[in-house]
N, C-alpha and C. Protein backbone atom coordinates (compact mmCIF):
# COMPACT_ATOMS: atom_id res chain seq x y z
N MET A 1 99.17 115.87 78.74
CA MET A 1 98.26 115.75 79.51
C MET A 1 99.25 116.15 81.23
N TYR A 2 98.88 116.72 81.59
CA TYR A 2 99.25 116.97 82.90
C TYR A 2 98.10 116.74 84.23
N LEU A 3 98.47 115.78 84.57
CA LEU A 3 97.19 116.42 85.52
C LEU A 3 97.78 115.66 87.14
N TYR A 4 97.82 116.81 88.24
CA TYR A 4 98.81 116.60 89.69
C TYR A 4 97.20 115.68 89.98
N GLU A 5 97.38 114.69 90.15
CA GLU A 5 95.70 113.83 90.88
C GLU A 5 96.57 113.76 92.54
N ASN A 6 95.23 115.00 93.29
CA ASN A 6 95.12 114.74 94.21
C ASN A 6 94.17 114.58 95.20
N HIS A 7 93.20 113.26 95.63
CA HIS A 7 91.39 113.33 95.73
C HIS A 7 91.69 112.76 97.58
N THR A 8 92.38 113.34 97.71
CA THR A 8 92.37 112.75 99.52
C THR A 8 91.38 113.01 100.06
N ALA A 9 90.62 113.91 99.90
CA ALA A 9 89.06 114.85 100.52
C ALA A 9 88.23 114.47 99.27
N LEU A 10 87.76 113.35 98.34
CA LEU A 10 87.79 112.68 97.80
C LEU A 10 86.49 112.03 98.15
N ASP A 11 84.92 111.98 97.99
CA ASP A 11 84.17 110.97 98.55
C ASP A 11 84.30 110.18 97.60
N PRO A 12 83.64 108.48 98.29
CA PRO A 12 84.17 107.19 97.13
C PRO A 12 83.19 107.74 95.83
N LYS A 13 82.14 108.10 96.19
CA LYS A 13 81.45 108.62 94.82
C LYS A 13 82.26 109.68 93.53
N SER A 14 82.89 110.10 94.28
CA SER A 14 83.51 111.66 93.47
C SER A 14 84.91 110.60 92.87
N ARG A 15 85.41 109.99 93.59
CA ARG A 15 86.52 109.21 92.88
C ARG A 15 86.66 108.05 92.31
N ARG A 16 84.64 107.52 92.09
CA ARG A 16 85.07 106.92 91.01
C ARG A 16 84.88 107.60 89.58
N ARG A 17 84.38 108.65 89.85
CA ARG A 17 83.83 109.28 88.20
C ARG A 17 85.47 110.00 87.69
N ILE A 18 86.12 110.27 88.97
CA ILE A 18 87.48 110.60 88.31
C ILE A 18 87.77 109.17 87.76
N ILE A 19 87.74 108.07 88.30
CA ILE A 19 88.80 107.07 87.86
C ILE A 19 88.32 106.96 86.20
N GLY A 20 87.00 106.98 86.25
CA GLY A 20 86.15 106.63 84.78
C GLY A 20 86.20 107.89 84.12
N LEU A 21 86.43 109.15 84.56
CA LEU A 21 87.56 109.67 83.50
C LEU A 21 88.61 110.10 83.03
N LEU A 22 89.46 109.28 83.58
CA LEU A 22 90.20 108.78 83.19
C LEU A 22 90.30 107.95 82.11
N LYS A 23 89.92 106.65 82.92
CA LYS A 23 89.39 106.06 81.79
C LYS A 23 89.25 106.06 80.57
N LYS A 24 88.63 106.76 80.20
CA LYS A 24 87.79 107.53 78.65
C LYS A 24 89.17 108.10 78.15
N PHE A 25 90.31 108.14 78.53
CA PHE A 25 91.13 109.50 77.67
C PHE A 25 91.94 108.74 77.37
N GLU A 26 91.94 109.02 76.01
CA GLU A 26 92.80 107.71 74.83
C GLU A 26 94.24 108.24 75.00
N HIS A 27 94.78 109.56 75.01
CA HIS A 27 96.04 109.89 74.30
C HIS A 27 97.14 110.14 76.40
N THR A 28 98.58 110.11 75.97
CA THR A 28 98.88 109.61 76.93
C THR A 28 98.73 111.03 77.88
N LYS A 29 98.64 109.88 79.73
CA LYS A 29 98.61 111.05 80.49
C LYS A 29 99.52 110.54 81.23
N ILE A 30 100.54 111.99 82.16
CA ILE A 30 101.00 112.02 83.02
C ILE A 30 100.91 112.03 84.27
N ILE A 31 100.43 111.35 85.13
CA ILE A 31 99.96 112.09 86.17
C ILE A 31 100.71 111.28 87.74
N THR A 32 100.58 112.25 89.14
CA THR A 32 101.25 111.39 90.08
C THR A 32 100.45 111.22 91.03
N SER A 33 100.59 110.19 91.91
CA SER A 33 99.88 109.54 92.57
C SER A 33 100.41 108.76 93.15
N HIS A 34 99.82 108.51 94.92
CA HIS A 34 99.85 107.07 95.52
C HIS A 34 99.61 106.82 95.16
N ASP A 35 97.70 106.89 94.85
CA ASP A 35 96.45 105.80 95.12
C ASP A 35 97.46 104.68 93.82
N LEU A 36 97.91 103.66 94.20
CA LEU A 36 98.28 102.92 93.76
C LEU A 36 97.19 101.70 93.14
N ASP A 37 96.01 101.48 93.52
CA ASP A 37 94.89 101.22 92.95
C ASP A 37 94.20 101.65 92.07
N MET A 38 93.91 102.51 91.71
CA MET A 38 94.14 103.74 91.27
C MET A 38 94.54 103.44 90.15
N VAL A 39 95.85 103.21 89.86
CA VAL A 39 97.04 103.42 89.05
C VAL A 39 96.60 102.07 88.42
N PHE A 40 97.05 100.86 89.35
CA PHE A 40 97.32 99.93 89.06
C PHE A 40 95.84 99.52 87.98
N GLU A 41 93.94 100.79 88.23
CA GLU A 41 92.63 99.94 87.93
C GLU A 41 93.41 100.80 86.17
N VAL A 42 93.58 102.04 85.91
CA VAL A 42 93.55 102.75 85.25
C VAL A 42 94.91 102.87 84.00
N TYR A 43 96.27 102.08 84.70
CA TYR A 43 97.22 102.91 83.59
C TYR A 43 97.69 102.12 83.29
N LYS A 44 98.34 101.26 81.64
CA LYS A 44 99.13 99.83 81.68
C LYS A 44 100.78 100.10 82.03
N ARG A 45 101.36 101.78 81.79
CA ARG A 45 102.61 101.71 81.93
C ARG A 45 102.66 102.48 83.24
N ILE A 46 103.69 102.38 84.52
CA ILE A 46 103.48 103.63 85.02
C ILE A 46 104.86 103.32 85.06
N ILE A 47 105.99 104.93 86.01
CA ILE A 47 107.34 104.72 86.03
C ILE A 47 107.06 105.59 87.61
N VAL A 48 108.19 104.63 88.38
CA VAL A 48 108.20 104.95 90.32
C VAL A 48 109.55 105.56 90.18
N ILE A 49 108.90 106.89 90.98
CA ILE A 49 110.25 107.84 91.19
C ILE A 49 111.02 107.49 92.29
N LYS A 50 112.08 107.35 93.34
CA LYS A 50 112.88 107.28 94.13
C LYS A 50 113.94 108.27 94.12
N GLU A 51 113.47 109.25 94.44
CA GLU A 51 114.96 110.57 95.22
C GLU A 51 115.21 110.87 93.75
N GLY A 52 114.12 111.91 93.14
CA GLY A 52 114.63 112.61 92.10
C GLY A 52 114.69 111.27 90.76
N ALA A 53 115.10 109.94 91.18
CA ALA A 53 115.44 109.23 89.82
C ALA A 53 114.12 108.37 89.40
N ILE A 54 114.66 107.47 88.68
CA ILE A 54 113.60 106.62 87.97
C ILE A 54 114.01 105.84 88.38
N ALA A 55 113.34 104.73 89.10
CA ALA A 55 113.62 103.41 90.50
C ALA A 55 113.07 102.21 89.40
N SER A 56 111.79 102.45 88.51
CA SER A 56 111.77 101.62 87.94
C SER A 56 110.39 102.12 86.65
N ASP A 57 110.69 101.77 84.99
CA ASP A 57 109.45 101.48 84.28
C ASP A 57 109.11 100.84 83.71
N GLY A 58 107.71 100.25 83.43
CA GLY A 58 107.40 99.27 83.32
C GLY A 58 105.60 98.88 82.97
N ALA A 59 105.17 98.00 82.82
CA ALA A 59 103.97 97.95 82.77
C ALA A 59 103.64 97.80 84.10
N THR A 60 102.20 98.13 84.22
CA THR A 60 101.82 98.76 85.60
C THR A 60 101.54 97.39 86.56
N ASN A 61 100.71 96.27 86.22
CA ASN A 61 101.06 95.16 87.17
C ASN A 61 102.04 94.05 86.94
N GLU A 62 103.71 94.43 86.06
CA GLU A 62 104.83 93.78 86.60
C GLU A 62 105.59 95.41 88.50
N VAL A 63 105.19 96.09 87.83
CA VAL A 63 105.68 96.67 88.55
C VAL A 63 105.31 96.98 89.88
N LEU A 64 104.16 96.67 90.17
CA LEU A 64 102.90 96.91 91.19
C LEU A 64 103.18 96.00 92.03
N SER A 65 103.34 94.75 91.39
CA SER A 65 103.13 93.47 92.08
C SER A 65 104.51 93.06 91.88
N ASN A 66 105.40 94.27 92.41
CA ASN A 66 106.89 93.77 93.44
C ASN A 66 107.64 94.32 94.58
N VAL A 67 107.28 93.00 95.53
CA VAL A 67 107.25 94.33 96.70
C VAL A 67 108.55 94.64 97.12
N ALA A 68 109.82 94.40 96.46
CA ALA A 68 110.66 94.78 96.74
C ALA A 68 111.00 95.91 96.12
N LEU A 69 110.44 96.25 94.92
CA LEU A 69 110.99 97.37 94.75
C LEU A 69 109.77 98.70 95.52
N LEU A 70 109.00 98.25 95.81
CA LEU A 70 107.78 98.90 96.17
C LEU A 70 108.54 99.57 97.83
N ASP A 71 108.59 98.35 98.32
CA ASP A 71 109.43 98.74 100.02
C ASP A 71 109.63 99.58 99.52
N SER A 72 111.10 99.69 98.59
CA SER A 72 112.95 100.17 98.40
C SER A 72 112.34 101.98 98.83
N CYS A 73 111.07 101.77 98.24
CA CYS A 73 110.79 103.13 97.37
C CYS A 73 109.29 104.29 98.62
N GLY A 74 108.98 103.07 99.54
CA GLY A 74 108.29 102.95 100.44
C GLY A 74 106.61 103.47 100.04
N LEU A 75 106.21 102.31 99.56
CA LEU A 75 105.01 102.14 99.02
C LEU A 75 104.47 100.89 99.35
N ALA A 76 103.40 100.11 99.24
CA ALA A 76 103.17 99.37 99.21
C ALA A 76 102.91 98.40 98.31
N ILE A 77 102.47 96.88 98.29
CA ILE A 77 101.40 97.04 96.91
C ILE A 77 100.11 97.09 97.08
N PRO A 78 98.81 97.06 96.22
CA PRO A 78 97.70 97.82 95.82
C PRO A 78 97.29 96.50 96.74
N LEU A 79 96.38 97.22 97.11
CA LEU A 79 95.41 96.54 97.92
C LEU A 79 94.38 95.32 97.08
N SER A 80 94.53 95.95 95.75
CA SER A 80 93.63 94.87 94.59
C SER A 80 94.63 93.84 94.38
N LEU A 81 95.77 93.96 94.50
CA LEU A 81 96.85 92.72 94.50
C LEU A 81 96.74 92.07 95.58
N GLN A 82 96.51 92.51 97.21
CA GLN A 82 96.98 92.24 98.74
C GLN A 82 95.75 91.08 98.42
N ASN A 83 96.14 89.53 98.82
CA ASN A 83 95.77 88.67 99.00
C ASN A 83 94.65 88.43 100.63
N CYS A 84 93.41 88.18 100.23
CA CYS A 84 92.75 88.93 101.39
C CYS A 84 92.93 87.97 102.89
N SER A 85 92.95 88.98 103.67
CA SER A 85 93.69 87.86 105.20
C SER A 85 92.06 87.30 105.90
N VAL A 86 91.11 87.48 105.49
CA VAL A 86 89.74 87.17 106.33
C VAL A 86 90.01 85.46 105.86
N CYS A 87 89.10 85.39 103.81
CA CYS A 87 88.70 84.58 103.93
C CYS A 87 90.22 83.80 102.76
N GLY A 88 91.08 84.81 103.08
CA GLY A 88 92.89 83.61 102.24
C GLY A 88 92.47 83.37 100.60
N PHE A 89 91.61 84.16 100.37
CA PHE A 89 91.68 84.40 98.70
C PHE A 89 92.75 85.61 98.44
N LEU A 90 93.48 83.85 96.97
CA LEU A 90 94.41 84.27 96.48
C LEU A 90 94.00 84.77 95.53
N LYS A 91 94.97 86.23 94.71
CA LYS A 91 94.66 87.03 93.67
C LYS A 91 96.08 86.53 92.39
N GLY A 92 95.31 86.33 91.74
CA GLY A 92 96.07 85.93 90.41
C GLY A 92 97.16 86.72 89.81
C-alpha cells in the first residue's frame, strides 16, 4: 500500500481518525509525511530521504531522536519527544 499523506487541511478530529486508521493496518505501509509526531506514533521503522538518497533507515524512536540527522535533513525532533519549555518535564 502506498499513501501520500497530506493532511495539512484536516481538523484535529479528522487527523486523529486517519492516525487511528493507519494504526489498524497490519500490512506494510509506505507513507510520505513531514508530520513527525504522527510518524512517531504510528510507525515502528522509518526511512529518511535526503536529496534523493537514504539518510537513515531504522527504528523510529532512534531515528527521530537523532538531532544531528534531523537537522541535516531540514527536520526537527517531533514535539512529542521534545522537553517542555514551560514546566521542564523531560521526556524519556
